[in-house]
Amino acid sequence: MNMAKLGDPSRELAARVLTEVDFEHRLNGFILRERAGALPITMYSFEEVVSFLNDHHPRVDFNELKGWMRETMDDMELTERIAEAVRIGRSDQDRLQRIRKLMEERLNQCKKLV
């Protein structure tokens, strides 16, 4: 699971990553619970998505996530890296772990820059 580091974000990208989005640009996912089943989760920020991905059983549509990264965050590099993680992941759990690491890396880069 050794992937190259992401390039440094611009100040504009860092500002987008660290800002909440409006209702139309939210991202939806689910967390699975033994008794309750799939619980819907609505996310309005990059940081909320990272937190969501740290859940034990997050579920998100990978195409929606890539679209959100491309259109809402306007982060082409991360969008491509997520697509790569989806392609090479052996299972959805493996794909989610790869994506989480990438997104955590980007979040930390942006926090350091601002």
PDB file of N, CA and C in Angstrom:
ATOM      1  N   MET A   1       0.835  -1.186   0.000  1.00  0.00           N
ATOM      2  CA  MET A   1       0.000   0.000   0.000  1.00  0.00           C
ATOM      3  C   MET A   1       0.883   1.253   0.000  1.00  0.00           C
ATOM      4  N   ASN A   2       2.095   1.150  -0.476  1.00  0.00           N
ATOM      5  CA  ASN A   2       3.019   2.273  -0.502  1.00  0.00           C
ATOM      6  C   ASN A   2       2.775   3.105  -1.753  1.00  0.00           C
ATOM      7  N   MET A   3       2.164   4.251  -1.584  1.00  0.00           N
ATOM      8  CA  MET A   3       1.871   5.120  -2.716  1.00  0.00           C
ATOM      9  C   MET A   3       2.675   6.401  -2.566  1.00  0.00           C
ATOM     10  N   ALA A   4       3.046   7.010  -3.678  1.00  0.00           N
ATOM     11  CA  ALA A   4       3.814   8.250  -3.656  1.00  0.00           C
ATOM     12  C   ALA A   4       3.035   9.348  -2.943  1.00  0.00           C
ATOM     13  N   LYS A   5       3.764  10.274  -2.362  1.00  0.00           N
ATOM     14  CA  LYS A   5       3.149  11.400  -1.656  1.00  0.00           C
ATOM     15  C   LYS A   5       2.433  12.313  -2.641  1.00  0.00           C
ATOM     16  N   LEU A   6       1.387  12.969  -2.146  1.00  0.00           N
ATOM     17  CA  LEU A   6       0.666  13.959  -2.942  1.00  0.00           C
ATOM     18  C   LEU A   6       1.522  15.213  -3.076  1.00  0.00           C
ATOM     19  N   GLY A   7       1.378  15.921  -4.190  1.00  0.00           N
ATOM     20  CA  GLY A   7       2.052  17.199  -4.359  1.00  0.00           C
ATOM     21  C   GLY A   7       1.486  18.226  -3.396  1.00  0.00           C
ATOM     22  N   ASP A   8       2.232  19.294  -3.174  1.00  0.00           N
ATOM     23  CA  ASP A   8       1.773  20.339  -2.259  1.00  0.00           C
ATOM     24  C   ASP A   8       0.557  21.056  -2.841  1.00  0.00           C
ATOM     25  N   PRO A   9      -0.451  21.319  -2.002  1.00  0.00           N
ATOM     26  CA  PRO A   9      -1.646  22.020  -2.479  1.00  0.00           C
ATOM     27  C   PRO A   9      -1.385  23.520  -2.608  1.00  0.00           C
ATOM     28  N   SER A  10      -2.141  24.162  -3.478  1.00  0.00           N
ATOM     29  CA  SER A  10      -2.090  25.625  -3.580  1.00  0.00           C
ATOM     30  C   SER A  10      -2.857  26.210  -2.388  1.00  0.00           C
ATOM     31  N   ARG A  11      -2.677  27.496  -2.149  1.00  0.00           N
ATOM     32  CA  ARG A  11      -3.431  28.158  -1.072  1.00  0.00           C
ATOM     33  C   ARG A  11      -4.933  28.111  -1.369  1.00  0.00           C
ATOM     34  N   GLU A  12      -5.304  28.219  -2.657  1.00  0.00           N
ATOM     35  CA  GLU A  12      -6.717  28.177  -3.052  1.00  0.00           C
ATOM     36  C   GLU A  12      -7.316  26.807  -2.742  1.00  0.00           C
ATOM     37  N   LEU A  13      -6.576  25.740  -3.074  1.00  0.00           N
ATOM     38  CA  LEU A  13      -7.053  24.388  -2.780  1.00  0.00           C
ATOM     39  C   LEU A  13      -7.173  24.197  -1.270  1.00  0.00           C
ATOM     40  N   ALA A  14      -6.172  24.649  -0.529  1.00  0.00           N
ATOM     41  CA  ALA A  14      -6.207  24.508   0.930  1.00  0.00           C
ATOM     42  C   ALA A  14      -7.443  25.204   1.500  1.00  0.00           C
ATOM     43  N   ALA A  15      -7.753  26.384   0.980  1.00  0.00           N
ATOM     44  CA  ALA A  15      -8.935  27.112   1.464  1.00  0.00           C
ATOM     45  C   ALA A  15     -10.209  26.325   1.176  1.00  0.00           C
ATOM     46  N   ARG A  16     -10.315  25.723  -0.021  1.00  0.00           N
ATOM     47  CA  ARG A  16     -11.511  24.917  -0.357  1.00  0.00           C
ATOM     48  C   ARG A  16     -11.610  23.697   0.552  1.00  0.00           C
ATOM     49  N   VAL A  17     -10.487  23.024   0.746  1.00  0.00           N
ATOM     50  CA  VAL A  17     -10.464  21.803   1.562  1.00  0.00           C
ATOM     51  C   VAL A  17     -10.887  22.101   3.000  1.00  0.00           C
ATOM     52  N   LEU A  18     -10.547  23.279   3.496  1.00  0.00           N
ATOM     53  CA  LEU A  18     -10.812  23.608   4.900  1.00  0.00           C
ATOM     54  C   LEU A  18     -12.117  24.370   5.113  1.00  0.00           C
ATOM     55  N   THR A  19     -12.919  24.525   4.064  1.00  0.00           N
ATOM     56  CA  THR A  19     -14.176  25.265   4.145  1.00  0.00           C
ATOM     57  C   THR A  19     -15.360  24.319   3.968  1.00  0.00           C
ATOM     58  N   GLU A  20     -16.422  24.535   4.747  1.00  0.00           N
ATOM     59  CA  GLU A  20     -17.641  23.742   4.568  1.00  0.00           C
ATOM     60  C   GLU A  20     -18.303  24.088   3.242  1.00  0.00           C
ATOM     61  N   VAL A  21     -18.947  23.101   2.645  1.00  0.00           N
ATOM     62  CA  VAL A  21     -19.682  23.323   1.400  1.00  0.00           C
ATOM     63  C   VAL A  21     -21.158  23.537   1.711  1.00  0.00           C
ATOM     64  N   ASP A  22     -21.901  24.075   0.747  1.00  0.00           N
ATOM     65  CA  ASP A  22     -23.332  24.287   0.959  1.00  0.00           C
ATOM     66  C   ASP A  22     -24.105  22.983   0.712  1.00  0.00           C
ATOM     67  N   PHE A  23     -25.392  23.036   0.964  1.00  0.00           N
ATOM     68  CA  PHE A  23     -26.257  21.858   0.903  1.00  0.00           C
ATOM     69  C   PHE A  23     -26.172  21.155  -0.449  1.00  0.00           C
ATOM     70  N   GLU A  24     -26.148  21.915  -1.540  1.00  0.00           N
ATOM     71  CA  GLU A  24     -26.133  21.312  -2.881  1.00  0.00           C
ATOM     72  C   GLU A  24     -24.848  20.531  -3.147  1.00  0.00           C
ATOM     73  N   HIS A  25     -23.786  20.841  -2.429  1.00  0.00           N
ATOM     74  CA  HIS A  25     -22.488  20.207  -2.677  1.00  0.00           C
ATOM     75  C   HIS A  25     -22.100  19.194  -1.601  1.00  0.00           C
ATOM     76  N   ARG A  26     -23.059  18.812  -0.778  1.00  0.00           N
ATOM     77  CA  ARG A  26     -22.783  17.852   0.286  1.00  0.00           C
ATOM     78  C   ARG A  26     -22.460  16.476  -0.310  1.00  0.00           C
ATOM     79  N   LEU A  27     -21.855  15.620   0.504  1.00  0.00           N
ATOM     80  CA  LEU A  27     -21.560  14.247   0.109  1.00  0.00           C
ATOM     81  C   LEU A  27     -22.311  13.329   1.065  1.00  0.00           C
ATOM     82  N   ASN A  28     -22.932  12.309   0.519  1.00  0.00           N
ATOM     83  CA  ASN A  28     -23.685  11.362   1.337  1.00  0.00           C
ATOM     84  C   ASN A  28     -22.997  10.011   1.375  1.00  0.00           C
ATOM     85  N   GLY A  29     -23.101   9.355   2.519  1.00  0.00           N
ATOM     86  CA  GLY A  29     -22.561   8.016   2.683  1.00  0.00           C
ATOM     87  C   GLY A  29     -23.378   7.291   3.740  1.00  0.00           C
ATOM     88  N   PHE A  30     -22.902   6.125   4.127  1.00  0.00           N
ATOM     89  CA  PHE A  30     -23.566   5.322   5.148  1.00  0.00           C
ATOM     90  C   PHE A  30     -22.519   4.717   6.060  1.00  0.00           C
ATOM     91  N   ILE A  31     -22.885   4.539   7.318  1.00  0.00           N
ATOM     92  CA  ILE A  31     -22.072   3.720   8.209  1.00  0.00           C
ATOM     93  C   ILE A  31     -22.933   2.519   8.598  1.00  0.00           C
ATOM     94  N   LEU A  32     -22.309   1.372   8.673  1.00  0.00           N
ATOM     95  CA  LEU A  32     -23.033   0.145   8.992  1.00  0.00           C
ATOM     96  C   LEU A  32     -22.935  -0.147  10.485  1.00  0.00           C
ATOM     97  N   ARG A  33     -24.080  -0.495  11.066  1.00  0.00           N
ATOM     98  CA  ARG A  33     -24.147  -0.863  12.474  1.00  0.00           C
ATOM     99  C   ARG A  33     -24.856  -2.205  12.611  1.00  0.00           C
ATOM    100  N   GLU A  34     -24.365  -3.012  13.516  1.00  0.00           N
ATOM    101  CA  GLU A  34     -24.865  -4.369  13.667  1.00  0.00           C
ATOM    102  C   GLU A  34     -26.382  -4.414  13.863  1.00  0.00           C
ATOM    103  N   ARG A  35     -26.906  -3.616  14.745  1.00  0.00           N
ATOM    104  CA  ARG A  35     -28.346  -3.662  15.026  1.00  0.00           C
ATOM    105  C   ARG A  35     -29.160  -2.698  14.173  1.00  0.00           C
ATOM    106  N   ALA A  36     -28.613  -1.535  13.889  1.00  0.00           N
ATOM    107  CA  ALA A  36     -29.374  -0.499  13.184  1.00  0.00           C
ATOM    108  C   ALA A  36     -29.271  -0.601  11.665  1.00  0.00           C
ATOM    109  N   GLY A  37     -28.285  -1.362  11.175  1.00  0.00           N
ATOM    110  CA  GLY A  37     -28.103  -1.458   9.728  1.00  0.00           C
ATOM    111  C   GLY A  37     -27.353  -0.249   9.185  1.00  0.00           C
ATOM    112  N   ALA A  38     -27.732   0.184   7.988  1.00  0.00           N
ATOM    113  CA  ALA A  38     -27.052   1.304   7.329  1.00  0.00           C
ATOM    114  C   ALA A  38     -27.636   2.627   7.801  1.00  0.00           C
ATOM    115  N   LEU A  39     -26.793   3.460   8.392  1.00  0.00           N
ATOM    116  CA  LEU A  39     -27.216   4.775   8.864  1.00  0.00           C
ATOM    117  C   LEU A  39     -26.693   5.837   7.900  1.00  0.00           C
ATOM    118  N   PRO A  40     -27.590   6.654   7.333  1.00  0.00           N
ATOM    119  CA  PRO A  40     -27.131   7.676   6.396  1.00  0.00           C
ATOM    120  C   PRO A  40     -26.320   8.763   7.096  1.00  0.00           C
ATOM    121  N   ILE A  41     -25.277   9.219   6.423  1.00  0.00           N
ATOM    122  CA  ILE A  41     -24.400  10.276   6.933  1.00  0.00           C
ATOM    123  C   ILE A  41     -24.299  11.345   5.839  1.00  0.00           C
ATOM    124  N   THR A  42     -24.484  12.593   6.227  1.00  0.00           N
ATOM    125  CA  THR A  42     -24.339  13.714   5.302  1.00  0.00           C
ATOM    126  C   THR A  42     -23.121  14.516   5.721  1.00  0.00           C
ATOM    127  N   MET A  43     -22.235  14.788   4.760  1.00  0.00           N
ATOM    128  CA  MET A  43     -20.979  15.475   5.064  1.00  0.00           C
ATOM    129  C   MET A  43     -20.891  16.779   4.282  1.00  0.00           C
ATOM    130  N   TYR A  44     -20.458  17.820   4.983  1.00  0.00           N
ATOM    131  CA  TYR A  44     -20.365  19.152   4.399  1.00  0.00           C
ATOM    132  C   TYR A  44     -18.934  19.681   4.330  1.00  0.00           C
ATOM    133  N   SER A  45     -17.963  18.857   4.722  1.00  0.00           N
ATOM    134  CA  SER A  45     -16.579  19.316   4.653  1.00  0.00           C
ATOM    135  C   SER A  45     -15.648  18.139   4.387  1.00  0.00           C
ATOM    136  N   PHE A  46     -14.486  18.473   3.879  1.00  0.00           N
ATOM    137  CA  PHE A  46     -13.439  17.492   3.612  1.00  0.00           C
ATOM    138  C   PHE A  46     -13.082  16.773   4.914  1.00  0.00           C
ATOM    139  N   GLU A  47     -12.971  17.547   5.989  1.00  0.00           N
ATOM    140  CA  GLU A  47     -12.609  16.963   7.282  1.00  0.00           C
ATOM    141  C   GLU A  47     -13.679  15.980   7.769  1.00  0.00           C
ATOM    142  N   GLU A  48     -14.944  16.282   7.518  1.00  0.00           N
ATOM    143  CA  GLU A  48     -16.022  15.346   7.886  1.00  0.00           C
ATOM    144  C   GLU A  48     -15.896  14.042   7.091  1.00  0.00           C
ATOM    145  N   VAL A  49     -15.495  14.141   5.832  1.00  0.00           N
ATOM    146  CA  VAL A  49     -15.325  12.936   5.005  1.00  0.00           C
ATOM    147  C   VAL A  49     -14.190  12.090   5.573  1.00  0.00           C
ATOM    148  N   VAL A  50     -13.080  12.729   5.956  1.00  0.00           N
ATOM    149  CA  VAL A  50     -11.960  11.997   6.549  1.00  0.00           C
ATOM    150  C   VAL A  50     -12.403  11.314   7.842  1.00  0.00           C
ATOM    151  N   SER A  51     -13.138  12.035   8.667  1.00  0.00           N
ATOM    152  CA  SER A  51     -13.643  11.457   9.919  1.00  0.00           C
ATOM    153  C   SER A  51     -14.557  10.267   9.632  1.00  0.00           C
ATOM    154  N   PHE A  52     -15.448  10.431   8.664  1.00  0.00           N
ATOM    155  CA  PHE A  52     -16.354   9.360   8.235  1.00  0.00           C
ATOM    156  C   PHE A  52     -15.560   8.125   7.796  1.00  0.00           C
ATOM    157  N   LEU A  53     -14.489   8.328   7.035  1.00  0.00           N
ATOM    158  CA  LEU A  53     -13.681   7.210   6.539  1.00  0.00           C
ATOM    159  C   LEU A  53     -12.938   6.491   7.657  1.00  0.00           C
ATOM    160  N   ASN A  54     -12.829   7.133   8.822  1.00  0.00           N
ATOM    161  CA  ASN A  54     -12.193   6.500   9.976  1.00  0.00           C
ATOM    162  C   ASN A  54     -13.162   5.627  10.774  1.00  0.00           C
ATOM    163  N   ASP A  55     -14.436   5.611  10.389  1.00  0.00           N
ATOM    164  CA  ASP A  55     -15.405   4.737  11.034  1.00  0.00           C
ATOM    165  C   ASP A  55     -15.027   3.279  10.733  1.00  0.00           C
ATOM    166  N   HIS A  56     -15.527   2.358  11.539  1.00  0.00           N
ATOM    167  CA  HIS A  56     -15.222   0.936  11.312  1.00  0.00           C
ATOM    168  C   HIS A  56     -15.827   0.406  10.015  1.00  0.00           C
ATOM    169  N   HIS A  57     -17.008   0.905   9.643  1.00  0.00           N
ATOM    170  CA  HIS A  57     -17.694   0.377   8.459  1.00  0.00           C
ATOM    171  C   HIS A  57     -18.306   1.495   7.610  1.00  0.00           C
ATOM    172  N   PRO A  58     -17.456   2.373   7.037  1.00  0.00           N
ATOM    173  CA  PRO A  58     -18.004   3.420   6.177  1.00  0.00           C
ATOM    174  C   PRO A  58     -18.368   2.853   4.805  1.00  0.00           C
ATOM    175  N   ARG A  59     -19.388   3.396   4.207  1.00  0.00           N
ATOM    176  CA  ARG A  59     -19.783   2.998   2.850  1.00  0.00           C
ATOM    177  C   ARG A  59     -20.070   4.261   2.057  1.00  0.00           C
ATOM    178  N   VAL A  60     -19.403   4.393   0.926  1.00  0.00           N
ATOM    179  CA  VAL A  60     -19.602   5.553   0.064  1.00  0.00           C
ATOM    180  C   VAL A  60     -19.493   5.082  -1.380  1.00  0.00           C
ATOM    181  N   ASP A  61     -20.242   5.712  -2.251  1.00  0.00           N
ATOM    182  CA  ASP A  61     -20.161   5.421  -3.679  1.00  0.00           C
ATOM    183  C   ASP A  61     -18.859   6.046  -4.189  1.00  0.00           C
ATOM    184  N   PHE A  62     -17.945   5.209  -4.692  1.00  0.00           N
ATOM    185  CA  PHE A  62     -16.636   5.706  -5.116  1.00  0.00           C
ATOM    186  C   PHE A  62     -16.748   6.719  -6.258  1.00  0.00           C
ATOM    187  N   ASN A  63     -17.701   6.524  -7.168  1.00  0.00           N
ATOM    188  CA  ASN A  63     -17.877   7.485  -8.262  1.00  0.00           C
ATOM    189  C   ASN A  63     -18.368   8.830  -7.738  1.00  0.00           C
ATOM    190  N   GLU A  64     -19.263   8.795  -6.745  1.00  0.00           N
ATOM    191  CA  GLU A  64     -19.725  10.047  -6.128  1.00  0.00           C
ATOM    192  C   GLU A  64     -18.571  10.758  -5.430  1.00  0.00           C
ATOM    193  N   LEU A  65     -17.746   9.997  -4.727  1.00  0.00           N
ATOM    194  CA  LEU A  65     -16.606  10.585  -4.029  1.00  0.00           C
ATOM    195  C   LEU A  65     -15.640  11.220  -5.025  1.00  0.00           C
ATOM    196  N   LYS A  66     -15.345  10.510  -6.112  1.00  0.00           N
ATOM    197  CA  LYS A  66     -14.448  11.075  -7.137  1.00  0.00           C
ATOM    198  C   LYS A  66     -15.058  12.338  -7.736  1.00  0.00           C
ATOM    199  N   GLY A  67     -16.357  12.316  -8.016  1.00  0.00           N
ATOM    200  CA  GLY A  67     -17.032  13.495  -8.556  1.00  0.00           C
ATOM    201  C   GLY A  67     -16.990  14.656  -7.591  1.00  0.00           C
ATOM    202  N   TRP A  68     -17.173  14.378  -6.309  1.00  0.00           N
ATOM    203  CA  TRP A  68     -17.124  15.415  -5.275  1.00  0.00           C
ATOM    204  C   TRP A  68     -15.724  16.024  -5.202  1.00  0.00           C
ATOM    205  N   MET A  69     -14.703  15.176  -5.269  1.00  0.00           N
ATOM    206  CA  MET A  69     -13.324  15.674  -5.229  1.00  0.00           C
ATOM    207  C   MET A  69     -13.019  16.519  -6.464  1.00  0.00           C
ATOM    208  N   ARG A  70     -13.505  16.075  -7.608  1.00  0.00           N
ATOM    209  CA  ARG A  70     -13.230  16.766  -8.866  1.00  0.00           C
ATOM    210  C   ARG A  70     -14.010  18.077  -8.959  1.00  0.00           C
ATOM    211  N   GLU A  71     -15.324  18.021  -8.732  1.00  0.00           N
ATOM    212  CA  GLU A  71     -16.167  19.192  -8.982  1.00  0.00           C
ATOM    213  C   GLU A  71     -16.256  20.145  -7.791  1.00  0.00           C
ATOM    214  N   THR A  72     -16.403  19.617  -6.584  1.00  0.00           N
ATOM    215  CA  THR A  72     -16.585  20.477  -5.418  1.00  0.00           C
ATOM    216  C   THR A  72     -15.247  20.945  -4.857  1.00  0.00           C
ATOM    217  N   MET A  73     -14.302  20.033  -4.694  1.00  0.00           N
ATOM    218  CA  MET A  73     -12.994  20.407  -4.137  1.00  0.00           C
ATOM    219  C   MET A  73     -12.035  20.894  -5.227  1.00  0.00           C
ATOM    220  N   ASP A  74     -12.295  20.529  -6.474  1.00  0.00           N
ATOM    221  CA  ASP A  74     -11.444  20.906  -7.609  1.00  0.00           C
ATOM    222  C   ASP A  74     -10.000  20.471  -7.373  1.00  0.00           C
ATOM    223  N   ASP A  75      -9.843  19.225  -6.893  1.00  0.00           N
ATOM    224  CA  ASP A  75      -8.523  18.651  -6.619  1.00  0.00           C
ATOM    225  C   ASP A  75      -8.299  17.498  -7.597  1.00  0.00           C
ATOM    226  N   MET A  76      -7.746  17.829  -8.766  1.00  0.00           N
ATOM    227  CA  MET A  76      -7.565  16.823  -9.822  1.00  0.00           C
ATOM    228  C   MET A  76      -6.571  15.740  -9.411  1.00  0.00           C
ATOM    229  N   GLU A  77      -5.485  16.132  -8.744  1.00  0.00           N
ATOM    230  CA  GLU A  77      -4.489  15.150  -8.346  1.00  0.00           C
ATOM    231  C   GLU A  77      -5.096  14.114  -7.402  1.00  0.00           C
ATOM    232  N   LEU A  78      -5.817  14.577  -6.392  1.00  0.00           N
ATOM    233  CA  LEU A  78      -6.423  13.645  -5.442  1.00  0.00           C
ATOM    234  C   LEU A  78      -7.512  12.812  -6.110  1.00  0.00           C
ATOM    235  N   THR A  79      -8.263  13.404  -7.026  1.00  0.00           N
ATOM    236  CA  THR A  79      -9.282  12.647  -7.769  1.00  0.00           C
ATOM    237  C   THR A  79      -8.635  11.485  -8.511  1.00  0.00           C
ATOM    238  N   GLU A  80      -7.518  11.755  -9.182  1.00  0.00           N
ATOM    239  CA  GLU A  80      -6.811  10.696  -9.919  1.00  0.00           C
ATOM    240  C   GLU A  80      -6.269   9.629  -8.983  1.00  0.00           C
ATOM    241  N   ARG A  81      -5.754  10.050  -7.840  1.00  0.00           N
ATOM    242  CA  ARG A  81      -5.195   9.094  -6.878  1.00  0.00           C
ATOM    243  C   ARG A  81      -6.301   8.234  -6.255  1.00  0.00           C
ATOM    244  N   ILE A  82      -7.482   8.819  -6.040  1.00  0.00           N
ATOM    245  CA  ILE A  82      -8.619   8.044  -5.538  1.00  0.00           C
ATOM    246  C   ILE A  82      -9.043   7.027  -6.587  1.00  0.00           C
ATOM    247  N   ALA A  83      -9.090   7.442  -7.839  1.00  0.00           N
ATOM    248  CA  ALA A  83      -9.438   6.514  -8.931  1.00  0.00           C
ATOM    249  C   ALA A  83      -8.440   5.359  -8.974  1.00  0.00           C
ATOM    250  N   GLU A  84      -7.169   5.660  -8.773  1.00  0.00           N
ATOM    251  CA  GLU A  84      -6.131   4.629  -8.745  1.00  0.00           C
ATOM    252  C   GLU A  84      -6.346   3.682  -7.567  1.00  0.00           C
ATOM    253  N   ALA A  85      -6.669   4.228  -6.409  1.00  0.00           N
ATOM    254  CA  ALA A  85      -6.916   3.409  -5.216  1.00  0.00           C
ATOM    255  C   ALA A  85      -8.102   2.471  -5.439  1.00  0.00           C
ATOM    256  N   VAL A  86      -9.140   2.975  -6.103  1.00  0.00           N
ATOM    257  CA  VAL A  86     -10.317   2.150  -6.401  1.00  0.00           C
ATOM    258  C   VAL A  86      -9.931   1.037  -7.363  1.00  0.00           C
ATOM    259  N   ARG A  87      -9.112   1.363  -8.341  1.00  0.00           N
ATOM    260  CA  ARG A  87      -8.696   0.389  -9.357  1.00  0.00           C
ATOM    261  C   ARG A  87      -7.845  -0.724  -8.762  1.00  0.00           C
ATOM    262  N   ILE A  88      -6.883  -0.377  -7.902  1.00  0.00           N
ATOM    263  CA  ILE A  88      -5.942  -1.391  -7.404  1.00  0.00           C
ATOM    264  C   ILE A  88      -6.368  -2.047  -6.099  1.00  0.00           C
ATOM    265  N   GLY A  89      -7.363  -1.484  -5.413  1.00  0.00           N
ATOM    266  CA  GLY A  89      -7.809  -2.071  -4.143  1.00  0.00           C
ATOM    267  C   GLY A  89      -8.376  -3.463  -4.344  1.00  0.00           C
ATOM    268  N   ARG A  90      -8.081  -4.351  -3.412  1.00  0.00           N
ATOM    269  CA  ARG A  90      -8.540  -5.745  -3.524  1.00  0.00           C
ATOM    270  C   ARG A  90      -9.962  -5.933  -3.014  1.00  0.00           C
ATOM    271  N   SER A  91     -10.428  -5.021  -2.185  1.00  0.00           N
ATOM    272  CA  SER A  91     -11.781  -5.091  -1.639  1.00  0.00           C
ATOM    273  C   SER A  91     -12.221  -3.664  -1.348  1.00  0.00           C
ATOM    274  N   ASP A  92     -13.502  -3.471  -1.070  1.00  0.00           N
ATOM    275  CA  ASP A  92     -13.962  -2.124  -0.732  1.00  0.00           C
ATOM    276  C   ASP A  92     -13.273  -1.618   0.534  1.00  0.00           C
ATOM    277  N   GLN A  93     -13.039  -2.502   1.495  1.00  0.00           N
ATOM    278  CA  GLN A  93     -12.361  -2.099   2.732  1.00  0.00           C
ATOM    279  C   GLN A  93     -10.945  -1.618   2.419  1.00  0.00           C
ATOM    280  N   ASP A  94     -10.241  -2.346   1.561  1.00  0.00           N
ATOM    281  CA  ASP A  94      -8.891  -1.959   1.157  1.00  0.00           C
ATOM    282  C   ASP A  94      -8.926  -0.626   0.407  1.00  0.00           C
ATOM    283  N   ARG A  95      -9.889  -0.458  -0.487  1.00  0.00           N
ATOM    284  CA  ARG A  95     -10.030   0.794  -1.242  1.00  0.00           C
ATOM    285  C   ARG A  95     -10.272   1.963  -0.293  1.00  0.00           C
ATOM    286  N   LEU A  96     -11.174   1.769   0.685  1.00  0.00           N
ATOM    287  CA  LEU A  96     -11.492   2.827   1.644  1.00  0.00           C
ATOM    288  C   LEU A  96     -10.270   3.200   2.491  1.00  0.00           C
ATOM    289  N   GLN A  97      -9.455   2.222   2.875  1.00  0.00           N
ATOM    290  CA  GLN A  97      -8.247   2.506   3.654  1.00  0.00           C
ATOM    291  C   GLN A  97      -7.265   3.328   2.834  1.00  0.00           C
ATOM    292  N   ARG A  98      -7.101   2.967   1.572  1.00  0.00           N
ATOM    293  CA  ARG A  98      -6.191   3.709   0.687  1.00  0.00           C
ATOM    294  C   ARG A  98      -6.677   5.145   0.510  1.00  0.00           C
ATOM    295  N   ILE A  99      -7.976   5.291   0.278  1.00  0.00           N
ATOM    296  CA  ILE A  99      -8.564   6.624   0.081  1.00  0.00           C
ATOM    297  C   ILE A  99      -8.426   7.451   1.352  1.00  0.00           C
ATOM    298  N   ARG A 100      -8.689   6.837   2.506  1.00  0.00           N
ATOM    299  CA  ARG A 100      -8.576   7.551   3.778  1.00  0.00           C
ATOM    300  C   ARG A 100      -7.160   8.086   3.965  1.00  0.00           C
ATOM    301  N   LYS A 101      -6.144   7.270   3.689  1.00  0.00           N
ATOM    302  CA  LYS A 101      -4.752   7.713   3.846  1.00  0.00           C
ATOM    303  C   LYS A 101      -4.453   8.901   2.930  1.00  0.00           C
ATOM    304  N   LEU A 102      -4.917   8.842   1.700  1.00  0.00           N
ATOM    305  CA  LEU A 102      -4.709   9.948   0.766  1.00  0.00           C
ATOM    306  C   LEU A 102      -5.394  11.224   1.257  1.00  0.00           C
ATOM    307  N   MET A 103      -6.632  11.086   1.692  1.00  0.00           N
ATOM    308  CA  MET A 103      -7.388  12.252   2.128  1.00  0.00           C
ATOM    309  C   MET A 103      -6.828  12.828   3.431  1.00  0.00           C
ATOM    310  N   GLU A 104      -6.363  11.962   4.336  1.00  0.00           N
ATOM    311  CA  GLU A 104      -5.728  12.447   5.565  1.00  0.00           C
ATOM    312  C   GLU A 104      -4.462  13.228   5.225  1.00  0.00           C
ATOM    313  N   GLU A 105      -3.699  12.704   4.268  1.00  0.00           N
ATOM    314  CA  GLU A 105      -2.469  13.383   3.841  1.00  0.00           C
ATOM    315  C   GLU A 105      -2.804  14.776   3.294  1.00  0.00           C
ATOM    316  N   ARG A 106      -3.814  14.859   2.425  1.00  0.00           N
ATOM    317  CA  ARG A 106      -4.203  16.158   1.840  1.00  0.00           C
ATOM    318  C   ARG A 106      -4.709  17.114   2.925  1.00  0.00           C
ATOM    319  N   LEU A 107      -5.499  16.610   3.853  1.00  0.00           N
ATOM    320  CA  LEU A 107      -6.023  17.458   4.927  1.00  0.00           C
ATOM    321  C   LEU A 107      -4.873  18.024   5.758  1.00  0.00           C
ATOM    322  N   ASN A 108      -3.910  17.186   6.112  1.00  0.00           N
ATOM    323  CA  ASN A 108      -2.764  17.639   6.900  1.00  0.00           C
ATOM    324  C   ASN A 108      -1.925  18.657   6.139  1.00  0.00           C
ATOM    325  N   GLN A 109      -1.736  18.439   4.835  1.00  0.00           N
ATOM    326  CA  GLN A 109      -0.999  19.408   4.016  1.00  0.00           C
ATOM    327  C   GLN A 109      -1.686  20.772   4.048  1.00  0.00           C
ATOM    328  N   CYS A 110      -3.014  20.754   3.907  1.00  0.00           N
ATOM    329  CA  CYS A 110      -3.777  22.002   3.862  1.00  0.00           C
ATOM    330  C   CYS A 110      -3.753  22.726   5.199  1.00  0.00           C
ATOM    331  N   LYS A 111      -3.836  21.974   6.278  1.00  0.00           N
ATOM    332  CA  LYS A 111      -3.800  22.593   7.614  1.00  0.00           C
ATOM    333  C   LYS A 111      -2.440  23.239   7.879  1.00  0.00           C
ATOM    334  N   LYS A 112      -1.373  22.603   7.411  1.00  0.00           N
ATOM    335  CA  LYS A 112      -0.031  23.169   7.600  1.00  0.00           C
ATOM    336  C   LYS A 112       0.154  24.441   6.778  1.00  0.00           C
ATOM    337  N   LEU A 113      -0.471  24.493   5.625  1.00  0.00           N
ATOM    338  CA  LEU A 113      -0.299  25.626   4.721  1.00  0.00           C
ATOM    339  C   LEU A 113      -1.037  26.870   5.216  1.00  0.00           C
ATOM    340  N   VAL A 114      -2.182  26.674   5.848  1.00  0.00           N
ATOM    341  CA  VAL A 114      -3.010  27.813   6.240  1.00  0.00           C
ATOM    342  C   VAL A 114      -2.692  28.290   7.647  1.00  0.00           C
TER     343      VAL A 114
END
